[in-house]
Amino acid sequence: MKIVNVEVQIAEKQLSVALTALAKESDAIRAMQGCLAYQTLADTQNSLTLMIVQRWQSAEDFGAYRNSPEFANLIQSLKPILTAPPVTFVATQDS
């Protein structure tokens, strides 16, 4: 299993834009082959920090997501409102 957590810093007053973009794509992402979980969490101490928590059956499934139109749409929507590059944490868990 591929575990991927992405921390993003959002520009002030852009939280609703980020959440809307993530919500727009999340159902399609969850329906993708191998997607075991896909959630967006907000930092309770800093409302401008979001964590995208993902679990994928395999590295290949995660790779297909990274090459999908849904991923491209998220990048296009989020990139202009980020205040720092995303920080990605990746782990692999054996079944």
N, C-alpha and C. Protein backbone atom coordinates (compact mmCIF):
# COMPACT_ATOMS: atom_id res chain seq x y z
N MET A 1 0.84 -1.17 0.00
CA MET A 1 0.00 0.00 0.00
C MET A 1 0.89 1.24 0.00
N LYS A 2 0.49 2.24 -0.75
CA LYS A 2 1.20 3.51 -0.83
C LYS A 2 0.42 4.52 0.02
N ILE A 3 1.10 5.13 0.97
CA ILE A 3 0.51 6.13 1.86
C ILE A 3 1.14 7.46 1.50
N VAL A 4 0.30 8.43 1.15
CA VAL A 4 0.80 9.73 0.71
C VAL A 4 0.05 10.82 1.46
N ASN A 5 0.79 11.68 2.13
CA ASN A 5 0.21 12.84 2.79
C ASN A 5 0.88 14.08 2.21
N VAL A 6 0.06 15.02 1.78
CA VAL A 6 0.57 16.25 1.18
C VAL A 6 0.10 17.43 2.01
N GLU A 7 1.05 18.18 2.55
CA GLU A 7 0.73 19.38 3.33
C GLU A 7 0.85 20.60 2.42
N VAL A 8 -0.21 21.40 2.38
CA VAL A 8 -0.19 22.61 1.56
C VAL A 8 -0.50 23.82 2.43
N GLN A 9 0.18 24.91 2.12
CA GLN A 9 -0.04 26.19 2.79
C GLN A 9 -0.83 27.07 1.82
N ILE A 10 -1.96 27.55 2.26
CA ILE A 10 -2.87 28.31 1.41
C ILE A 10 -2.77 29.79 1.75
N ALA A 11 -2.85 30.61 0.72
CA ALA A 11 -2.83 32.06 0.92
C ALA A 11 -4.02 32.49 1.79
N GLU A 12 -3.80 33.52 2.57
CA GLU A 12 -4.86 34.05 3.43
C GLU A 12 -6.10 34.37 2.61
N LYS A 13 -7.24 34.05 3.16
CA LYS A 13 -8.55 34.29 2.55
C LYS A 13 -8.80 33.41 1.32
N GLN A 14 -7.99 32.38 1.09
CA GLN A 14 -8.18 31.49 -0.06
C GLN A 14 -8.59 30.08 0.35
N LEU A 15 -8.89 29.88 1.63
CA LEU A 15 -9.23 28.55 2.12
C LEU A 15 -10.46 28.00 1.38
N SER A 16 -11.48 28.81 1.20
CA SER A 16 -12.69 28.31 0.53
C SER A 16 -12.40 27.92 -0.92
N VAL A 17 -11.51 28.64 -1.59
CA VAL A 17 -11.12 28.30 -2.96
C VAL A 17 -10.45 26.93 -2.97
N ALA A 18 -9.55 26.71 -2.04
CA ALA A 18 -8.84 25.43 -1.96
C ALA A 18 -9.79 24.28 -1.66
N LEU A 19 -10.66 24.48 -0.69
CA LEU A 19 -11.59 23.41 -0.31
C LEU A 19 -12.57 23.10 -1.44
N THR A 20 -13.00 24.13 -2.16
CA THR A 20 -13.89 23.91 -3.31
C THR A 20 -13.19 23.10 -4.39
N ALA A 21 -11.95 23.43 -4.70
CA ALA A 21 -11.19 22.69 -5.72
C ALA A 21 -11.01 21.24 -5.31
N LEU A 22 -10.67 21.01 -4.05
CA LEU A 22 -10.48 19.65 -3.58
C LEU A 22 -11.79 18.86 -3.58
N ALA A 23 -12.88 19.49 -3.16
CA ALA A 23 -14.17 18.82 -3.15
C ALA A 23 -14.63 18.48 -4.56
N LYS A 24 -14.35 19.36 -5.50
CA LYS A 24 -14.77 19.15 -6.89
C LYS A 24 -14.16 17.89 -7.48
N GLU A 25 -12.93 17.57 -7.14
CA GLU A 25 -12.23 16.43 -7.72
C GLU A 25 -12.26 15.18 -6.84
N SER A 26 -12.58 15.32 -5.56
CA SER A 26 -12.39 14.21 -4.62
C SER A 26 -13.25 12.98 -4.93
N ASP A 27 -14.49 13.14 -5.35
CA ASP A 27 -15.32 11.97 -5.64
C ASP A 27 -14.73 11.16 -6.79
N ALA A 28 -14.29 11.85 -7.84
CA ALA A 28 -13.69 11.14 -8.98
C ALA A 28 -12.39 10.46 -8.57
N ILE A 29 -11.62 11.11 -7.71
CA ILE A 29 -10.36 10.51 -7.25
C ILE A 29 -10.65 9.27 -6.41
N ARG A 30 -11.62 9.37 -5.49
CA ARG A 30 -11.97 8.21 -4.65
C ARG A 30 -12.46 7.02 -5.49
N ALA A 31 -13.03 7.30 -6.66
CA ALA A 31 -13.54 6.24 -7.53
C ALA A 31 -12.44 5.61 -8.39
N MET A 32 -11.25 6.17 -8.37
CA MET A 32 -10.16 5.63 -9.19
C MET A 32 -9.73 4.27 -8.68
N GLN A 33 -9.27 3.46 -9.62
CA GLN A 33 -8.77 2.14 -9.28
C GLN A 33 -7.65 2.26 -8.25
N GLY A 34 -7.77 1.51 -7.17
CA GLY A 34 -6.72 1.45 -6.17
C GLY A 34 -6.77 2.52 -5.10
N CYS A 35 -7.71 3.46 -5.19
CA CYS A 35 -7.81 4.49 -4.15
C CYS A 35 -8.52 3.90 -2.94
N LEU A 36 -7.82 3.82 -1.83
CA LEU A 36 -8.38 3.28 -0.60
C LEU A 36 -8.89 4.39 0.32
N ALA A 37 -8.32 5.58 0.19
CA ALA A 37 -8.75 6.73 1.01
C ALA A 37 -8.23 8.01 0.38
N TYR A 38 -9.04 9.06 0.48
CA TYR A 38 -8.63 10.37 -0.01
C TYR A 38 -9.41 11.40 0.80
N GLN A 39 -8.73 12.11 1.68
CA GLN A 39 -9.37 13.07 2.57
C GLN A 39 -8.57 14.36 2.64
N THR A 40 -9.27 15.43 2.91
CA THR A 40 -8.62 16.71 3.17
C THR A 40 -8.87 17.07 4.63
N LEU A 41 -7.81 17.38 5.34
CA LEU A 41 -7.90 17.76 6.74
C LEU A 41 -7.35 19.17 6.91
N ALA A 42 -7.99 19.94 7.79
CA ALA A 42 -7.51 21.29 8.08
C ALA A 42 -6.80 21.28 9.43
N ASP A 43 -5.73 22.01 9.53
CA ASP A 43 -5.00 22.19 10.77
C ASP A 43 -5.83 23.07 11.70
N THR A 44 -6.16 22.58 12.86
CA THR A 44 -7.00 23.35 13.77
C THR A 44 -6.27 24.55 14.37
N GLN A 45 -4.94 24.52 14.36
CA GLN A 45 -4.16 25.63 14.89
C GLN A 45 -3.86 26.69 13.84
N ASN A 46 -3.90 26.28 12.56
CA ASN A 46 -3.55 27.19 11.48
C ASN A 46 -4.47 26.88 10.30
N SER A 47 -5.52 27.67 10.14
CA SER A 47 -6.52 27.38 9.12
C SER A 47 -5.99 27.51 7.70
N LEU A 48 -4.75 27.95 7.54
CA LEU A 48 -4.18 28.09 6.22
C LEU A 48 -3.33 26.88 5.82
N THR A 49 -3.35 25.85 6.65
CA THR A 49 -2.63 24.62 6.36
C THR A 49 -3.63 23.49 6.16
N LEU A 50 -3.51 22.82 5.02
CA LEU A 50 -4.35 21.66 4.72
C LEU A 50 -3.46 20.44 4.53
N MET A 51 -3.98 19.28 4.90
CA MET A 51 -3.30 18.02 4.67
C MET A 51 -4.20 17.17 3.80
N ILE A 52 -3.67 16.70 2.69
CA ILE A 52 -4.39 15.78 1.82
C ILE A 52 -3.85 14.39 2.14
N VAL A 53 -4.70 13.55 2.70
CA VAL A 53 -4.33 12.23 3.17
C VAL A 53 -4.82 11.20 2.16
N GLN A 54 -3.89 10.39 1.64
CA GLN A 54 -4.22 9.44 0.59
C GLN A 54 -3.67 8.06 0.92
N ARG A 55 -4.43 7.06 0.53
CA ARG A 55 -3.98 5.67 0.63
C ARG A 55 -4.29 5.01 -0.72
N TRP A 56 -3.27 4.40 -1.32
CA TRP A 56 -3.41 3.76 -2.63
C TRP A 56 -2.99 2.30 -2.52
N GLN A 57 -3.69 1.45 -3.23
CA GLN A 57 -3.40 0.01 -3.20
C GLN A 57 -1.97 -0.27 -3.65
N SER A 58 -1.49 0.48 -4.64
CA SER A 58 -0.14 0.23 -5.16
C SER A 58 0.49 1.51 -5.67
N ALA A 59 1.79 1.45 -5.91
CA ALA A 59 2.50 2.59 -6.50
C ALA A 59 1.98 2.86 -7.90
N GLU A 60 1.59 1.82 -8.62
CA GLU A 60 1.06 2.00 -9.97
C GLU A 60 -0.27 2.76 -9.94
N ASP A 61 -1.12 2.44 -8.98
CA ASP A 61 -2.40 3.16 -8.85
C ASP A 61 -2.16 4.63 -8.51
N PHE A 62 -1.21 4.88 -7.62
CA PHE A 62 -0.88 6.26 -7.29
C PHE A 62 -0.31 6.98 -8.51
N GLY A 63 0.52 6.30 -9.28
CA GLY A 63 1.07 6.88 -10.50
C GLY A 63 -0.01 7.23 -11.50
N ALA A 64 -1.01 6.37 -11.63
CA ALA A 64 -2.13 6.66 -12.54
C ALA A 64 -2.88 7.91 -12.08
N TYR A 65 -3.07 8.05 -10.78
CA TYR A 65 -3.69 9.26 -10.24
C TYR A 65 -2.85 10.50 -10.59
N ARG A 66 -1.55 10.40 -10.41
CA ARG A 66 -0.66 11.54 -10.69
C ARG A 66 -0.68 11.95 -12.16
N ASN A 67 -1.07 11.04 -13.03
CA ASN A 67 -1.16 11.33 -14.46
C ASN A 67 -2.59 11.59 -14.93
N SER A 68 -3.50 11.73 -13.98
CA SER A 68 -4.92 11.88 -14.33
C SER A 68 -5.32 13.34 -14.54
N PRO A 69 -6.41 13.57 -15.26
CA PRO A 69 -6.94 14.93 -15.41
C PRO A 69 -7.35 15.54 -14.07
N GLU A 70 -7.82 14.71 -13.14
CA GLU A 70 -8.23 15.21 -11.83
C GLU A 70 -7.04 15.81 -11.07
N PHE A 71 -5.90 15.13 -11.13
CA PHE A 71 -4.70 15.66 -10.49
C PHE A 71 -4.26 16.95 -11.17
N ALA A 72 -4.28 16.97 -12.49
CA ALA A 72 -3.92 18.19 -13.24
C ALA A 72 -4.84 19.35 -12.88
N ASN A 73 -6.13 19.08 -12.73
CA ASN A 73 -7.08 20.12 -12.33
C ASN A 73 -6.77 20.67 -10.94
N LEU A 74 -6.42 19.77 -10.01
CA LEU A 74 -6.07 20.23 -8.66
C LEU A 74 -4.84 21.12 -8.68
N ILE A 75 -3.83 20.71 -9.40
CA ILE A 75 -2.61 21.51 -9.48
C ILE A 75 -2.92 22.88 -10.06
N GLN A 76 -3.71 22.91 -11.12
CA GLN A 76 -4.06 24.18 -11.75
C GLN A 76 -4.84 25.09 -10.80
N SER A 77 -5.71 24.51 -9.99
CA SER A 77 -6.52 25.30 -9.06
C SER A 77 -5.74 25.75 -7.83
N LEU A 78 -4.89 24.87 -7.32
CA LEU A 78 -4.20 25.16 -6.06
C LEU A 78 -2.92 25.97 -6.22
N LYS A 79 -2.19 25.75 -7.28
CA LYS A 79 -0.88 26.39 -7.44
C LYS A 79 -0.91 27.91 -7.24
N PRO A 80 -1.88 28.63 -7.81
CA PRO A 80 -1.87 30.09 -7.64
C PRO A 80 -2.13 30.58 -6.21
N ILE A 81 -2.69 29.72 -5.37
CA ILE A 81 -3.03 30.18 -4.01
C ILE A 81 -2.12 29.58 -2.94
N LEU A 82 -1.11 28.83 -3.34
CA LEU A 82 -0.16 28.28 -2.37
C LEU A 82 0.85 29.35 -1.97
N THR A 83 1.24 29.33 -0.70
CA THR A 83 2.24 30.27 -0.22
C THR A 83 3.62 29.62 -0.08
N ALA A 84 3.67 28.32 -0.30
CA ALA A 84 4.93 27.57 -0.23
C ALA A 84 4.76 26.30 -1.05
N PRO A 85 5.86 25.71 -1.48
CA PRO A 85 5.72 24.43 -2.19
C PRO A 85 5.08 23.38 -1.28
N PRO A 86 4.27 22.49 -1.84
CA PRO A 86 3.70 21.41 -1.02
C PRO A 86 4.80 20.54 -0.43
N VAL A 87 4.53 20.01 0.74
CA VAL A 87 5.45 19.07 1.39
C VAL A 87 4.77 17.70 1.35
N THR A 88 5.44 16.74 0.72
CA THR A 88 4.84 15.43 0.53
C THR A 88 5.57 14.39 1.37
N PHE A 89 4.78 13.58 2.06
CA PHE A 89 5.30 12.48 2.86
C PHE A 89 4.79 11.18 2.22
N VAL A 90 5.70 10.28 1.89
CA VAL A 90 5.32 9.04 1.22
C VAL A 90 5.86 7.86 2.02
N ALA A 91 5.00 6.87 2.19
CA ALA A 91 5.41 5.64 2.87
C ALA A 91 4.79 4.46 2.14
N THR A 92 5.44 3.32 2.27
CA THR A 92 4.90 2.10 1.70
C THR A 92 4.67 1.13 2.84
N GLN A 93 3.50 0.52 2.83
CA GLN A 93 3.17 -0.46 3.85
C GLN A 93 2.90 -1.79 3.18
N ASP A 94 3.59 -2.83 3.63
CA ASP A 94 3.33 -4.16 3.10
C ASP A 94 2.01 -4.67 3.64
N SER A 95 1.27 -5.39 2.82
CA SER A 95 -0.03 -5.92 3.23
C SER A 95 0.09 -6.99 4.26
